[in-house]
Amino acid sequence: MAKELKQVNALTKTYDLLLWIIPQLEKFPKSQRYLLGDRIETRLLDIMELIIEAIYTKNKTVLLKEANLKIEKLRHLIRLVMDLKYLSINRYEHISKCLNEIGSEIGGWIKYQQVKFKIMDYLKTLRLRLHENKSRIYKTSDGVDFLGYRIYPDYMRVRKSVVKRYRKKLKKTTEDYREGRVALPRVKSSIQSWIGHAKHANSYTLRTIHPLRPR
């Protein structure tokens, strides 16, 4: 998920900057419209093409590093046209902000690739490999979903969807008991089963407060 977001964000932000900047380049003096203006537009188009190629290519890192280099060159071109008074300070700041955001997305994408390759190299020593389309890399602080739990480096929670589903189930079981459709042992069995699952996580409050009690 994280990787896909960076792909979409980098491409979308580059495309949006192109849409905005092309009309601005048309306002350059004629002597520079086809020199500096063309170079800026070409650089941005190159960056967008490199991002698209990276999305559909296995060897992404080379393309992304090239895109990063072009962003750095573009920063200097934008600074030059601002110093030449072809761009206002406000427009210069807007473009700089957009380039920083695109660079940040691409930089994060490169880091993702580097981490992925390190993991792949380690897995090779175990005679294992990542699935190309089903593997995802997340920060440990985001936690990992596994068997109904959200696992973090120092603690573990019961997944929210599991808690929500059990509350709904317990409410129905309680109503069935009140209406005489189920016996008390079945209700107790359901509660004990839930406690047995929840106690493996950091869930003391969850297990001691009645799930149906208003908070």
N, C-alpha and C. Protein backbone atom coordinates (compact mmCIF):
# COMPACT_ATOMS: atom_id res chain seq x y z
N MET A 1 0.81 -1.20 0.00
CA MET A 1 0.00 0.00 0.00
C MET A 1 0.85 1.26 0.00
N ALA A 2 1.85 1.32 0.84
CA ALA A 2 2.71 2.51 0.93
C ALA A 2 3.38 2.79 -0.40
N LYS A 3 3.88 1.73 -1.04
CA LYS A 3 4.57 1.90 -2.31
C LYS A 3 3.61 2.46 -3.35
N GLU A 4 2.36 1.90 -3.45
CA GLU A 4 1.41 2.34 -4.44
C GLU A 4 1.05 3.81 -4.24
N LEU A 5 0.94 4.23 -2.97
CA LEU A 5 0.62 5.63 -2.68
C LEU A 5 1.72 6.56 -3.20
N LYS A 6 2.98 6.17 -3.00
CA LYS A 6 4.08 7.00 -3.45
C LYS A 6 4.11 7.08 -4.98
N GLN A 7 3.79 5.97 -5.65
CA GLN A 7 3.72 5.97 -7.10
C GLN A 7 2.66 6.95 -7.58
N VAL A 8 1.47 6.81 -7.00
CA VAL A 8 0.34 7.67 -7.40
C VAL A 8 0.62 9.12 -7.07
N ASN A 9 1.11 9.38 -5.86
CA ASN A 9 1.38 10.76 -5.44
C ASN A 9 2.43 11.43 -6.30
N ALA A 10 3.53 10.73 -6.57
CA ALA A 10 4.61 11.30 -7.38
C ALA A 10 4.12 11.64 -8.77
N LEU A 11 3.37 10.72 -9.37
CA LEU A 11 2.87 10.94 -10.73
C LEU A 11 1.82 12.05 -10.76
N THR A 12 0.89 12.01 -9.82
CA THR A 12 -0.17 13.02 -9.78
C THR A 12 0.38 14.42 -9.55
N LYS A 13 1.33 14.54 -8.62
CA LYS A 13 1.89 15.86 -8.31
C LYS A 13 2.71 16.40 -9.47
N THR A 14 3.39 15.54 -10.20
CA THR A 14 4.15 15.99 -11.36
C THR A 14 3.20 16.44 -12.46
N TYR A 15 2.16 15.67 -12.68
CA TYR A 15 1.16 16.02 -13.70
C TYR A 15 0.48 17.36 -13.37
N ASP A 16 0.11 17.52 -12.10
CA ASP A 16 -0.55 18.76 -11.68
C ASP A 16 0.37 19.97 -11.83
N LEU A 17 1.65 19.78 -11.53
CA LEU A 17 2.61 20.88 -11.69
C LEU A 17 2.76 21.26 -13.15
N LEU A 18 2.77 20.26 -14.02
CA LEU A 18 2.84 20.54 -15.47
C LEU A 18 1.63 21.34 -15.93
N LEU A 19 0.45 20.94 -15.48
CA LEU A 19 -0.77 21.67 -15.84
C LEU A 19 -0.71 23.12 -15.42
N TRP A 20 -0.13 23.35 -14.24
CA TRP A 20 -0.07 24.71 -13.71
C TRP A 20 1.04 25.53 -14.36
N ILE A 21 2.19 24.92 -14.61
CA ILE A 21 3.37 25.68 -15.01
C ILE A 21 3.40 26.02 -16.50
N ILE A 22 2.77 25.21 -17.35
CA ILE A 22 2.83 25.47 -18.80
C ILE A 22 2.25 26.85 -19.14
N PRO A 23 1.08 27.23 -18.61
CA PRO A 23 0.58 28.60 -18.89
C PRO A 23 1.52 29.69 -18.36
N GLN A 24 2.22 29.41 -17.26
CA GLN A 24 3.17 30.39 -16.71
C GLN A 24 4.37 30.56 -17.66
N LEU A 25 4.81 29.47 -18.26
CA LEU A 25 5.95 29.54 -19.18
C LEU A 25 5.60 30.32 -20.45
N GLU A 26 4.32 30.29 -20.82
CA GLU A 26 3.88 31.03 -22.00
C GLU A 26 4.01 32.53 -21.81
N LYS A 27 4.10 32.97 -20.55
CA LYS A 27 4.21 34.40 -20.25
C LYS A 27 5.67 34.90 -20.27
N PHE A 28 6.61 33.98 -20.45
CA PHE A 28 8.03 34.38 -20.51
C PHE A 28 8.26 35.28 -21.73
N PRO A 29 9.26 36.16 -21.67
CA PRO A 29 9.63 36.94 -22.87
C PRO A 29 9.93 35.99 -24.03
N LYS A 30 9.64 36.41 -25.22
CA LYS A 30 9.81 35.55 -26.39
C LYS A 30 11.23 35.02 -26.50
N SER A 31 12.21 35.82 -26.08
CA SER A 31 13.61 35.41 -26.19
C SER A 31 13.94 34.22 -25.29
N GLN A 32 13.17 34.05 -24.21
CA GLN A 32 13.43 32.96 -23.26
C GLN A 32 12.34 31.87 -23.25
N ARG A 33 11.23 32.17 -23.92
CA ARG A 33 10.13 31.20 -23.94
C ARG A 33 10.56 29.87 -24.55
N TYR A 34 11.39 29.98 -25.59
CA TYR A 34 11.82 28.76 -26.30
C TYR A 34 13.22 28.30 -25.86
N LEU A 35 13.74 28.93 -24.82
CA LEU A 35 15.03 28.50 -24.28
C LEU A 35 14.83 27.98 -22.86
N LEU A 36 14.76 28.89 -21.89
CA LEU A 36 14.53 28.47 -20.50
C LEU A 36 13.15 27.82 -20.32
N GLY A 37 12.15 28.42 -20.97
CA GLY A 37 10.78 27.88 -20.85
C GLY A 37 10.70 26.44 -21.35
N ASP A 38 11.29 26.19 -22.53
CA ASP A 38 11.28 24.84 -23.09
C ASP A 38 12.06 23.86 -22.23
N ARG A 39 13.17 24.32 -21.67
CA ARG A 39 13.98 23.42 -20.82
C ARG A 39 13.23 23.01 -19.57
N ILE A 40 12.54 23.96 -18.97
CA ILE A 40 11.77 23.65 -17.76
C ILE A 40 10.66 22.66 -18.08
N GLU A 41 9.93 22.93 -19.17
CA GLU A 41 8.83 22.05 -19.55
C GLU A 41 9.35 20.65 -19.90
N THR A 42 10.46 20.59 -20.64
CA THR A 42 11.04 19.30 -21.03
C THR A 42 11.50 18.51 -19.82
N ARG A 43 12.13 19.21 -18.85
CA ARG A 43 12.59 18.53 -17.64
C ARG A 43 11.41 17.89 -16.90
N LEU A 44 10.33 18.65 -16.77
CA LEU A 44 9.17 18.13 -16.05
C LEU A 44 8.54 16.94 -16.79
N LEU A 45 8.46 17.05 -18.11
CA LEU A 45 7.94 15.94 -18.91
C LEU A 45 8.82 14.70 -18.77
N ASP A 46 10.14 14.93 -18.75
CA ASP A 46 11.07 13.81 -18.55
C ASP A 46 10.85 13.13 -17.21
N ILE A 47 10.64 13.96 -16.16
CA ILE A 47 10.41 13.41 -14.82
C ILE A 47 9.13 12.57 -14.80
N MET A 48 8.08 13.08 -15.44
CA MET A 48 6.81 12.34 -15.48
C MET A 48 6.98 11.02 -16.23
N GLU A 49 7.71 11.04 -17.34
CA GLU A 49 7.94 9.81 -18.11
C GLU A 49 8.76 8.79 -17.32
N LEU A 50 9.75 9.27 -16.58
CA LEU A 50 10.58 8.37 -15.78
C LEU A 50 9.75 7.71 -14.67
N ILE A 51 8.83 8.48 -14.07
CA ILE A 51 7.97 7.93 -13.03
C ILE A 51 7.06 6.85 -13.61
N ILE A 52 6.49 7.12 -14.79
CA ILE A 52 5.62 6.14 -15.45
C ILE A 52 6.41 4.87 -15.78
N GLU A 53 7.62 5.06 -16.31
CA GLU A 53 8.46 3.90 -16.64
C GLU A 53 8.80 3.10 -15.38
N ALA A 54 9.06 3.81 -14.28
CA ALA A 54 9.41 3.13 -13.02
C ALA A 54 8.25 2.28 -12.50
N ILE A 55 7.02 2.76 -12.72
CA ILE A 55 5.84 2.02 -12.25
C ILE A 55 5.75 0.66 -12.94
N TYR A 56 6.12 0.63 -14.22
CA TYR A 56 5.94 -0.60 -15.02
C TYR A 56 7.25 -1.36 -15.27
N THR A 57 8.32 -0.97 -14.56
CA THR A 57 9.61 -1.63 -14.75
C THR A 57 10.07 -2.28 -13.46
N LYS A 58 10.75 -3.41 -13.55
CA LYS A 58 11.26 -4.08 -12.35
C LYS A 58 12.43 -3.32 -11.75
N ASN A 59 13.35 -2.87 -12.59
CA ASN A 59 14.53 -2.13 -12.10
C ASN A 59 14.18 -0.66 -11.95
N LYS A 60 13.48 -0.35 -10.87
CA LYS A 60 12.95 1.00 -10.68
C LYS A 60 13.99 2.00 -10.18
N THR A 61 14.94 1.53 -9.38
CA THR A 61 15.86 2.43 -8.68
C THR A 61 16.63 3.33 -9.62
N VAL A 62 17.14 2.78 -10.73
CA VAL A 62 17.92 3.58 -11.70
C VAL A 62 17.07 4.71 -12.25
N LEU A 63 15.83 4.41 -12.63
CA LEU A 63 14.93 5.42 -13.19
C LEU A 63 14.57 6.48 -12.16
N LEU A 64 14.34 6.05 -10.93
CA LEU A 64 13.96 6.99 -9.88
C LEU A 64 15.11 7.93 -9.51
N LYS A 65 16.32 7.39 -9.50
CA LYS A 65 17.49 8.24 -9.22
C LYS A 65 17.70 9.25 -10.34
N GLU A 66 17.43 8.84 -11.56
CA GLU A 66 17.54 9.77 -12.69
C GLU A 66 16.49 10.88 -12.57
N ALA A 67 15.28 10.50 -12.15
CA ALA A 67 14.22 11.49 -11.94
C ALA A 67 14.62 12.47 -10.84
N ASN A 68 15.23 11.95 -9.78
CA ASN A 68 15.68 12.80 -8.68
C ASN A 68 16.72 13.81 -9.14
N LEU A 69 17.65 13.36 -10.00
CA LEU A 69 18.68 14.24 -10.53
C LEU A 69 18.06 15.34 -11.38
N LYS A 70 17.07 14.99 -12.18
CA LYS A 70 16.40 15.99 -13.02
C LYS A 70 15.64 17.01 -12.17
N ILE A 71 15.10 16.57 -11.04
CA ILE A 71 14.43 17.50 -10.14
C ILE A 71 15.43 18.52 -9.59
N GLU A 72 16.63 18.04 -9.24
CA GLU A 72 17.67 18.93 -8.72
C GLU A 72 18.08 19.96 -9.78
N LYS A 73 18.23 19.52 -11.02
CA LYS A 73 18.57 20.45 -12.11
C LYS A 73 17.45 21.46 -12.32
N LEU A 74 16.22 20.97 -12.21
CA LEU A 74 15.06 21.84 -12.40
C LEU A 74 15.00 22.92 -11.32
N ARG A 75 15.36 22.57 -10.11
CA ARG A 75 15.38 23.56 -9.02
C ARG A 75 16.27 24.74 -9.38
N HIS A 76 17.43 24.45 -9.95
CA HIS A 76 18.36 25.53 -10.32
C HIS A 76 17.82 26.37 -11.48
N LEU A 77 17.14 25.73 -12.42
CA LEU A 77 16.54 26.47 -13.53
C LEU A 77 15.45 27.41 -13.02
N ILE A 78 14.64 26.91 -12.11
CA ILE A 78 13.56 27.73 -11.55
C ILE A 78 14.14 28.91 -10.76
N ARG A 79 15.21 28.65 -10.04
CA ARG A 79 15.87 29.74 -9.30
C ARG A 79 16.41 30.80 -10.26
N LEU A 80 16.94 30.34 -11.39
CA LEU A 80 17.49 31.27 -12.39
C LEU A 80 16.40 32.17 -12.97
N VAL A 81 15.25 31.58 -13.35
CA VAL A 81 14.19 32.40 -13.95
C VAL A 81 13.57 33.34 -12.92
N MET A 82 13.60 32.98 -11.65
CA MET A 82 13.13 33.87 -10.61
C MET A 82 14.08 35.06 -10.46
N ASP A 83 15.39 34.77 -10.48
CA ASP A 83 16.39 35.85 -10.37
C ASP A 83 16.34 36.78 -11.58
N LEU A 84 15.94 36.23 -12.73
CA LEU A 84 15.81 37.05 -13.94
C LEU A 84 14.48 37.79 -13.99
N LYS A 85 13.68 37.64 -12.95
CA LYS A 85 12.38 38.33 -12.81
C LYS A 85 11.32 37.81 -13.78
N TYR A 86 11.49 36.57 -14.27
CA TYR A 86 10.47 35.98 -15.14
C TYR A 86 9.39 35.28 -14.32
N LEU A 87 9.70 35.04 -13.05
CA LEU A 87 8.74 34.45 -12.11
C LEU A 87 8.68 35.30 -10.86
N SER A 88 7.48 35.48 -10.31
CA SER A 88 7.36 36.20 -9.03
C SER A 88 7.84 35.29 -7.91
N ILE A 89 8.12 35.89 -6.77
CA ILE A 89 8.57 35.10 -5.61
C ILE A 89 7.50 34.09 -5.20
N ASN A 90 6.22 34.52 -5.25
CA ASN A 90 5.13 33.62 -4.86
C ASN A 90 5.06 32.39 -5.78
N ARG A 91 5.20 32.63 -7.09
CA ARG A 91 5.17 31.50 -8.04
C ARG A 91 6.40 30.61 -7.86
N TYR A 92 7.54 31.25 -7.59
CA TYR A 92 8.77 30.49 -7.35
C TYR A 92 8.61 29.58 -6.12
N GLU A 93 8.02 30.13 -5.06
CA GLU A 93 7.82 29.36 -3.83
C GLU A 93 6.85 28.20 -4.06
N HIS A 94 5.82 28.45 -4.87
CA HIS A 94 4.85 27.40 -5.17
C HIS A 94 5.53 26.25 -5.93
N ILE A 95 6.32 26.59 -6.94
CA ILE A 95 7.01 25.57 -7.73
C ILE A 95 8.00 24.81 -6.86
N SER A 96 8.74 25.53 -6.03
CA SER A 96 9.72 24.89 -5.14
C SER A 96 9.04 23.91 -4.19
N LYS A 97 7.89 24.32 -3.66
CA LYS A 97 7.14 23.44 -2.76
C LYS A 97 6.70 22.17 -3.48
N CYS A 98 6.20 22.33 -4.71
CA CYS A 98 5.76 21.17 -5.49
C CYS A 98 6.93 20.24 -5.79
N LEU A 99 8.07 20.80 -6.16
CA LEU A 99 9.26 19.98 -6.47
C LEU A 99 9.75 19.25 -5.23
N ASN A 100 9.69 19.92 -4.07
CA ASN A 100 10.09 19.27 -2.82
C ASN A 100 9.18 18.08 -2.51
N GLU A 101 7.88 18.25 -2.75
CA GLU A 101 6.93 17.17 -2.49
C GLU A 101 7.15 16.00 -3.44
N ILE A 102 7.38 16.31 -4.72
CA ILE A 102 7.65 15.25 -5.70
C ILE A 102 8.94 14.53 -5.34
N GLY A 103 9.97 15.30 -4.99
CA GLY A 103 11.25 14.71 -4.60
C GLY A 103 11.13 13.83 -3.36
N SER A 104 10.28 14.26 -2.42
CA SER A 104 10.07 13.48 -1.20
C SER A 104 9.39 12.15 -1.52
N GLU A 105 8.40 12.18 -2.40
CA GLU A 105 7.70 10.95 -2.79
C GLU A 105 8.66 9.99 -3.50
N ILE A 106 9.47 10.53 -4.41
CA ILE A 106 10.41 9.69 -5.15
C ILE A 106 11.49 9.16 -4.20
N GLY A 107 11.96 10.01 -3.28
CA GLY A 107 12.96 9.58 -2.31
C GLY A 107 12.45 8.44 -1.44
N GLY A 108 11.19 8.54 -1.01
CA GLY A 108 10.58 7.47 -0.22
C GLY A 108 10.43 6.19 -1.02
N TRP A 109 10.13 6.36 -2.30
CA TRP A 109 9.99 5.21 -3.20
C TRP A 109 11.33 4.50 -3.37
N ILE A 110 12.40 5.29 -3.52
CA ILE A 110 13.76 4.72 -3.65
C ILE A 110 14.13 3.96 -2.38
N LYS A 111 13.84 4.56 -1.22
CA LYS A 111 14.15 3.90 0.06
C LYS A 111 13.39 2.59 0.18
N TYR A 112 12.14 2.60 -0.26
CA TYR A 112 11.33 1.38 -0.24
C TYR A 112 12.01 0.28 -1.06
N GLN A 113 12.50 0.64 -2.26
CA GLN A 113 13.16 -0.33 -3.13
C GLN A 113 14.42 -0.88 -2.48
N GLN A 114 15.19 0.01 -1.84
CA GLN A 114 16.43 -0.42 -1.21
C GLN A 114 16.17 -1.40 -0.07
N VAL A 115 15.15 -1.08 0.74
CA VAL A 115 14.78 -1.98 1.85
C VAL A 115 14.31 -3.31 1.30
N LYS A 116 13.51 -3.26 0.25
CA LYS A 116 12.98 -4.48 -0.35
C LYS A 116 14.11 -5.39 -0.84
N PHE A 117 15.12 -4.80 -1.50
CA PHE A 117 16.24 -5.59 -2.00
C PHE A 117 17.05 -6.22 -0.87
N LYS A 118 17.19 -5.48 0.24
CA LYS A 118 17.91 -6.03 1.40
C LYS A 118 17.16 -7.24 1.96
N ILE A 119 15.84 -7.11 2.04
CA ILE A 119 15.03 -8.22 2.53
C ILE A 119 15.13 -9.41 1.58
N MET A 120 15.09 -9.13 0.29
CA MET A 120 15.18 -10.21 -0.71
C MET A 120 16.53 -10.92 -0.61
N ASP A 121 17.59 -10.16 -0.42
CA ASP A 121 18.92 -10.77 -0.29
C ASP A 121 19.00 -11.67 0.94
N TYR A 122 18.38 -11.22 2.04
CA TYR A 122 18.38 -12.03 3.26
C TYR A 122 17.57 -13.31 3.06
N LEU A 123 16.41 -13.16 2.42
CA LEU A 123 15.55 -14.32 2.21
C LEU A 123 16.21 -15.37 1.31
N LYS A 124 17.05 -14.90 0.40
CA LYS A 124 17.76 -15.85 -0.48
C LYS A 124 18.64 -16.80 0.34
N THR A 125 19.20 -16.28 1.44
CA THR A 125 20.04 -17.14 2.29
C THR A 125 19.21 -18.22 2.97
N LEU A 126 17.89 -18.00 3.05
CA LEU A 126 16.98 -18.98 3.65
C LEU A 126 16.24 -19.78 2.58
N ARG A 127 16.64 -19.54 1.32
CA ARG A 127 15.99 -20.18 0.17
C ARG A 127 14.51 -19.82 0.08
N LEU A 128 14.24 -18.56 0.39
CA LEU A 128 12.88 -18.02 0.29
C LEU A 128 12.90 -16.81 -0.64
N ARG A 129 11.71 -16.41 -1.08
CA ARG A 129 11.65 -15.20 -1.90
C ARG A 129 10.30 -14.51 -1.72
N LEU A 130 10.29 -13.20 -1.96
CA LEU A 130 9.07 -12.43 -1.86
C LEU A 130 8.23 -12.62 -3.12
N HIS A 131 6.92 -12.60 -2.94
CA HIS A 131 6.04 -12.61 -4.10
C HIS A 131 6.04 -11.20 -4.69
N GLU A 132 6.25 -11.09 -5.98
CA GLU A 132 6.41 -9.79 -6.62
C GLU A 132 5.19 -8.88 -6.44
N ASN A 133 3.98 -9.47 -6.49
CA ASN A 133 2.77 -8.65 -6.45
C ASN A 133 2.03 -8.68 -5.11
N LYS A 134 2.42 -9.59 -4.22
CA LYS A 134 1.70 -9.72 -2.96
C LYS A 134 2.49 -9.29 -1.74
N SER A 135 3.72 -8.85 -1.93
CA SER A 135 4.54 -8.43 -0.79
C SER A 135 4.40 -6.93 -0.57
N ARG A 136 4.35 -6.53 0.68
CA ARG A 136 4.25 -5.12 1.05
C ARG A 136 5.23 -4.84 2.18
N ILE A 137 5.81 -3.65 2.19
CA ILE A 137 6.73 -3.26 3.24
C ILE A 137 6.14 -2.06 3.98
N TYR A 138 6.03 -2.18 5.29
CA TYR A 138 5.47 -1.10 6.12
C TYR A 138 6.46 -0.74 7.23
N LYS A 139 6.25 0.41 7.81
CA LYS A 139 7.02 0.77 9.01
C LYS A 139 6.54 -0.10 10.16
N THR A 140 7.47 -0.48 11.05
CA THR A 140 7.07 -1.30 12.20
C THR A 140 6.08 -0.54 13.09
N SER A 141 6.17 0.79 13.08
CA SER A 141 5.26 1.59 13.90
C SER A 141 3.81 1.51 13.40
N ASP A 142 3.62 1.07 12.14
CA ASP A 142 2.26 0.90 11.61
C ASP A 142 1.62 -0.39 12.08
N GLY A 143 2.45 -1.31 12.58
CA GLY A 143 1.92 -2.59 13.03
C GLY A 143 1.65 -3.54 11.87
N VAL A 144 1.43 -4.81 12.23
CA VAL A 144 1.17 -5.85 11.23
C VAL A 144 -0.08 -6.62 11.62
N ASP A 145 -1.00 -6.80 10.67
CA ASP A 145 -2.19 -7.61 10.91
C ASP A 145 -1.83 -9.09 10.85
N PHE A 146 -2.20 -9.83 11.90
CA PHE A 146 -1.92 -11.27 11.89
C PHE A 146 -2.87 -11.99 12.84
N LEU A 147 -3.69 -12.88 12.28
CA LEU A 147 -4.57 -13.75 13.06
C LEU A 147 -5.47 -12.97 14.03
N GLY A 148 -6.01 -11.86 13.57
CA GLY A 148 -6.93 -11.09 14.39
C GLY A 148 -6.29 -10.11 15.34
N TYR A 149 -4.96 -9.97 15.24
CA TYR A 149 -4.23 -9.02 16.09
C TYR A 149 -3.53 -7.97 15.24
N ARG A 150 -3.24 -6.83 15.87
CA ARG A 150 -2.38 -5.82 15.26
C ARG A 150 -1.10 -5.83 16.09
N ILE A 151 0.00 -6.29 15.48
CA ILE A 151 1.24 -6.51 16.22
C ILE A 151 2.21 -5.36 15.99
N TYR A 152 2.66 -4.75 17.09
CA TYR A 152 3.63 -3.66 17.08
C TYR A 152 4.94 -4.15 17.69
N PRO A 153 6.01 -3.38 17.58
CA PRO A 153 7.31 -3.84 18.12
C PRO A 153 7.27 -4.19 19.60
N ASP A 154 6.53 -3.39 20.41
CA ASP A 154 6.57 -3.57 21.86
C ASP A 154 5.26 -4.04 22.48
N TYR A 155 4.22 -4.15 21.69
CA TYR A 155 2.93 -4.58 22.24
C TYR A 155 2.03 -5.10 21.12
N MET A 156 0.87 -5.62 21.51
CA MET A 156 -0.05 -6.21 20.54
C MET A 156 -1.48 -5.85 20.91
N ARG A 157 -2.28 -5.49 19.92
CA ARG A 157 -3.69 -5.15 20.14
C ARG A 157 -4.58 -6.15 19.40
N VAL A 158 -5.82 -6.28 19.90
CA VAL A 158 -6.81 -7.02 19.14
C VAL A 158 -7.26 -6.10 18.00
N ARG A 159 -7.36 -6.64 16.81
CA ARG A 159 -7.73 -5.81 15.66
C ARG A 159 -9.11 -5.20 15.86
N LYS A 160 -9.26 -3.94 15.48
CA LYS A 160 -10.51 -3.21 15.72
C LYS A 160 -11.71 -3.91 15.09
N SER A 161 -11.51 -4.45 13.88
CA SER A 161 -12.63 -5.11 13.20
C SER A 161 -13.08 -6.35 13.97
N VAL A 162 -12.13 -7.01 14.64
CA VAL A 162 -12.47 -8.20 15.44
C VAL A 162 -13.29 -7.78 16.66
N VAL A 163 -12.87 -6.69 17.31
CA VAL A 163 -13.60 -6.18 18.49
C VAL A 163 -15.02 -5.78 18.08
N LYS A 164 -15.13 -5.07 16.98
CA LYS A 164 -16.43 -4.61 16.50
C LYS A 164 -17.34 -5.80 16.18
N ARG A 165 -16.77 -6.80 15.52
CA ARG A 165 -17.55 -7.98 15.15
C ARG A 165 -18.01 -8.75 16.39
N TYR A 166 -17.12 -8.85 17.42
CA TYR A 166 -17.49 -9.58 18.62
C TYR A 166 -18.57 -8.83 19.41
N ARG A 167 -18.45 -7.51 19.49
CA ARG A 167 -19.48 -6.73 20.20
C ARG A 167 -20.86 -7.00 19.57
N LYS A 168 -20.87 -7.03 18.25
CA LYS A 168 -22.13 -7.28 17.54
C LYS A 168 -22.65 -8.68 17.85
N LYS A 169 -21.73 -9.65 17.85
CA LYS A 169 -22.10 -11.04 18.14
C LYS A 169 -22.60 -11.18 19.58
N LEU A 170 -21.90 -10.55 20.53
CA LEU A 170 -22.27 -10.66 21.94
C LEU A 170 -23.63 -10.01 22.19
N LYS A 171 -23.87 -8.91 21.50
CA LYS A 171 -25.17 -8.23 21.66
C LYS A 171 -26.30 -9.15 21.22
N LYS A 172 -26.09 -9.82 20.08
CA LYS A 172 -27.12 -10.73 19.58
C LYS A 172 -27.28 -11.94 20.52
N THR A 173 -26.13 -12.48 21.00
CA THR A 173 -26.19 -13.63 21.91
C THR A 173 -26.92 -13.27 23.19
N THR A 174 -26.67 -12.05 23.71
CA THR A 174 -27.33 -11.58 24.94
C THR A 174 -28.84 -11.45 24.72
N GLU A 175 -29.23 -10.90 23.57
CA GLU A 175 -30.66 -10.77 23.25
C GLU A 175 -31.31 -12.13 23.12
N ASP A 176 -30.60 -13.07 22.49
CA ASP A 176 -31.13 -14.44 22.35
C ASP A 176 -31.33 -15.08 23.71
N TYR A 177 -30.39 -14.82 24.63
CA TYR A 177 -30.49 -15.39 25.98
C TYR A 177 -31.71 -14.81 26.71
N ARG A 178 -31.90 -13.49 26.59
CA ARG A 178 -33.03 -12.85 27.26
C ARG A 178 -34.36 -13.35 26.72
N GLU A 179 -34.36 -13.70 25.43
CA GLU A 179 -35.58 -14.20 24.80
C GLU A 179 -35.74 -15.71 24.97
N GLY A 180 -34.73 -16.35 25.62
CA GLY A 180 -34.81 -17.77 25.88
C GLY A 180 -34.43 -18.65 24.70
N ARG A 181 -33.76 -18.06 23.70
CA ARG A 181 -33.38 -18.84 22.52
C ARG A 181 -32.07 -19.59 22.71
N VAL A 182 -31.24 -19.15 23.67
CA VAL A 182 -29.99 -19.85 23.97
C VAL A 182 -29.85 -19.98 25.49
N ALA A 183 -29.11 -21.01 25.90
CA ALA A 183 -28.91 -21.25 27.33
C ALA A 183 -27.72 -20.45 27.84
N LEU A 184 -27.70 -20.24 29.17
CA LEU A 184 -26.63 -19.47 29.79
C LEU A 184 -25.24 -20.07 29.53
N PRO A 185 -25.06 -21.39 29.57
CA PRO A 185 -23.73 -21.96 29.30
C PRO A 185 -23.17 -21.55 27.93
N ARG A 186 -24.07 -21.41 26.96
CA ARG A 186 -23.60 -21.01 25.63
C ARG A 186 -23.10 -19.57 25.64
N VAL A 187 -23.79 -18.71 26.40
CA VAL A 187 -23.36 -17.31 26.51
C VAL A 187 -22.00 -17.25 27.20
N LYS A 188 -21.86 -18.01 28.30
CA LYS A 188 -20.58 -18.03 29.01
C LYS A 188 -19.46 -18.58 28.14
N SER A 189 -19.78 -19.60 27.36
CA SER A 189 -18.79 -20.19 26.47
C SER A 189 -18.30 -19.18 25.44
N SER A 190 -19.23 -18.39 24.91
CA SER A 190 -18.86 -17.37 23.93
C SER A 190 -17.96 -16.32 24.55
N ILE A 191 -18.29 -15.88 25.77
CA ILE A 191 -17.48 -14.87 26.45
C ILE A 191 -16.09 -15.40 26.77
N GLN A 192 -16.03 -16.65 27.26
CA GLN A 192 -14.73 -17.24 27.59
C GLN A 192 -13.86 -17.42 26.36
N SER A 193 -14.50 -17.77 25.26
CA SER A 193 -13.77 -17.92 23.99
C SER A 193 -13.15 -16.58 23.57
N TRP A 194 -13.94 -15.50 23.74
CA TRP A 194 -13.46 -14.16 23.40
C TRP A 194 -12.30 -13.75 24.31
N ILE A 195 -12.45 -13.99 25.61
CA ILE A 195 -11.39 -13.65 26.56
C ILE A 195 -10.11 -14.43 26.25
N GLY A 196 -10.27 -15.70 25.88
CA GLY A 196 -9.12 -16.52 25.53
C GLY A 196 -8.36 -15.96 24.34
N HIS A 197 -9.10 -15.40 23.38
CA HIS A 197 -8.45 -14.79 22.21
C HIS A 197 -7.81 -13.45 22.59
N ALA A 198 -8.55 -12.63 23.33
CA ALA A 198 -8.10 -11.27 23.64
C ALA A 198 -6.92 -11.22 24.60
N LYS A 199 -6.81 -12.22 25.48
CA LYS A 199 -5.77 -12.15 26.52
C LYS A 199 -4.36 -12.28 25.94
N HIS A 200 -4.23 -12.75 24.71
CA HIS A 200 -2.90 -12.83 24.10
C HIS A 200 -2.38 -11.45 23.69
N ALA A 201 -3.27 -10.46 23.70
CA ALA A 201 -2.87 -9.09 23.35
C ALA A 201 -2.92 -8.21 24.59
N ASN A 202 -2.49 -6.94 24.43
CA ASN A 202 -2.60 -5.97 25.52
C ASN A 202 -4.04 -5.49 25.56
N SER A 203 -4.87 -6.21 26.33
CA SER A 203 -6.31 -5.96 26.25
C SER A 203 -7.00 -6.04 27.60
N TYR A 204 -6.30 -5.66 28.67
CA TYR A 204 -6.88 -5.78 30.02
C TYR A 204 -8.20 -5.03 30.12
N THR A 205 -8.21 -3.77 29.68
CA THR A 205 -9.43 -2.96 29.76
C THR A 205 -10.53 -3.57 28.91
N LEU A 206 -10.16 -4.03 27.74
CA LEU A 206 -11.13 -4.63 26.82
C LEU A 206 -11.78 -5.87 27.42
N ARG A 207 -11.01 -6.62 28.20
CA ARG A 207 -11.52 -7.86 28.79
C ARG A 207 -12.28 -7.64 30.10
N THR A 208 -12.02 -6.53 30.78
CA THR A 208 -12.62 -6.32 32.10
C THR A 208 -13.84 -5.41 32.05
N ILE A 209 -13.94 -4.58 31.01
CA ILE A 209 -15.13 -3.73 30.88
C ILE A 209 -16.15 -4.47 30.02
N HIS A 210 -17.39 -4.51 30.46
CA HIS A 210 -18.41 -5.23 29.71
C HIS A 210 -18.55 -4.60 28.31
N PRO A 211 -18.48 -5.41 27.26
CA PRO A 211 -18.54 -4.87 25.90
C PRO A 211 -19.79 -4.09 25.58
N LEU A 212 -20.89 -4.33 26.31
CA LEU A 212 -22.13 -3.66 25.99
C LEU A 212 -22.36 -2.41 26.84
N ARG A 213 -21.49 -2.18 27.82
CA ARG A 213 -21.68 -1.05 28.71
C ARG A 213 -21.33 0.25 27.98
N PRO A 214 -22.20 1.27 28.02
CA PRO A 214 -21.88 2.56 27.36
C PRO A 214 -20.63 3.17 27.93
N ARG A 215 -19.83 3.81 27.05
CA ARG A 215 -18.58 4.43 27.51
C ARG A 215 -18.77 5.93 27.71
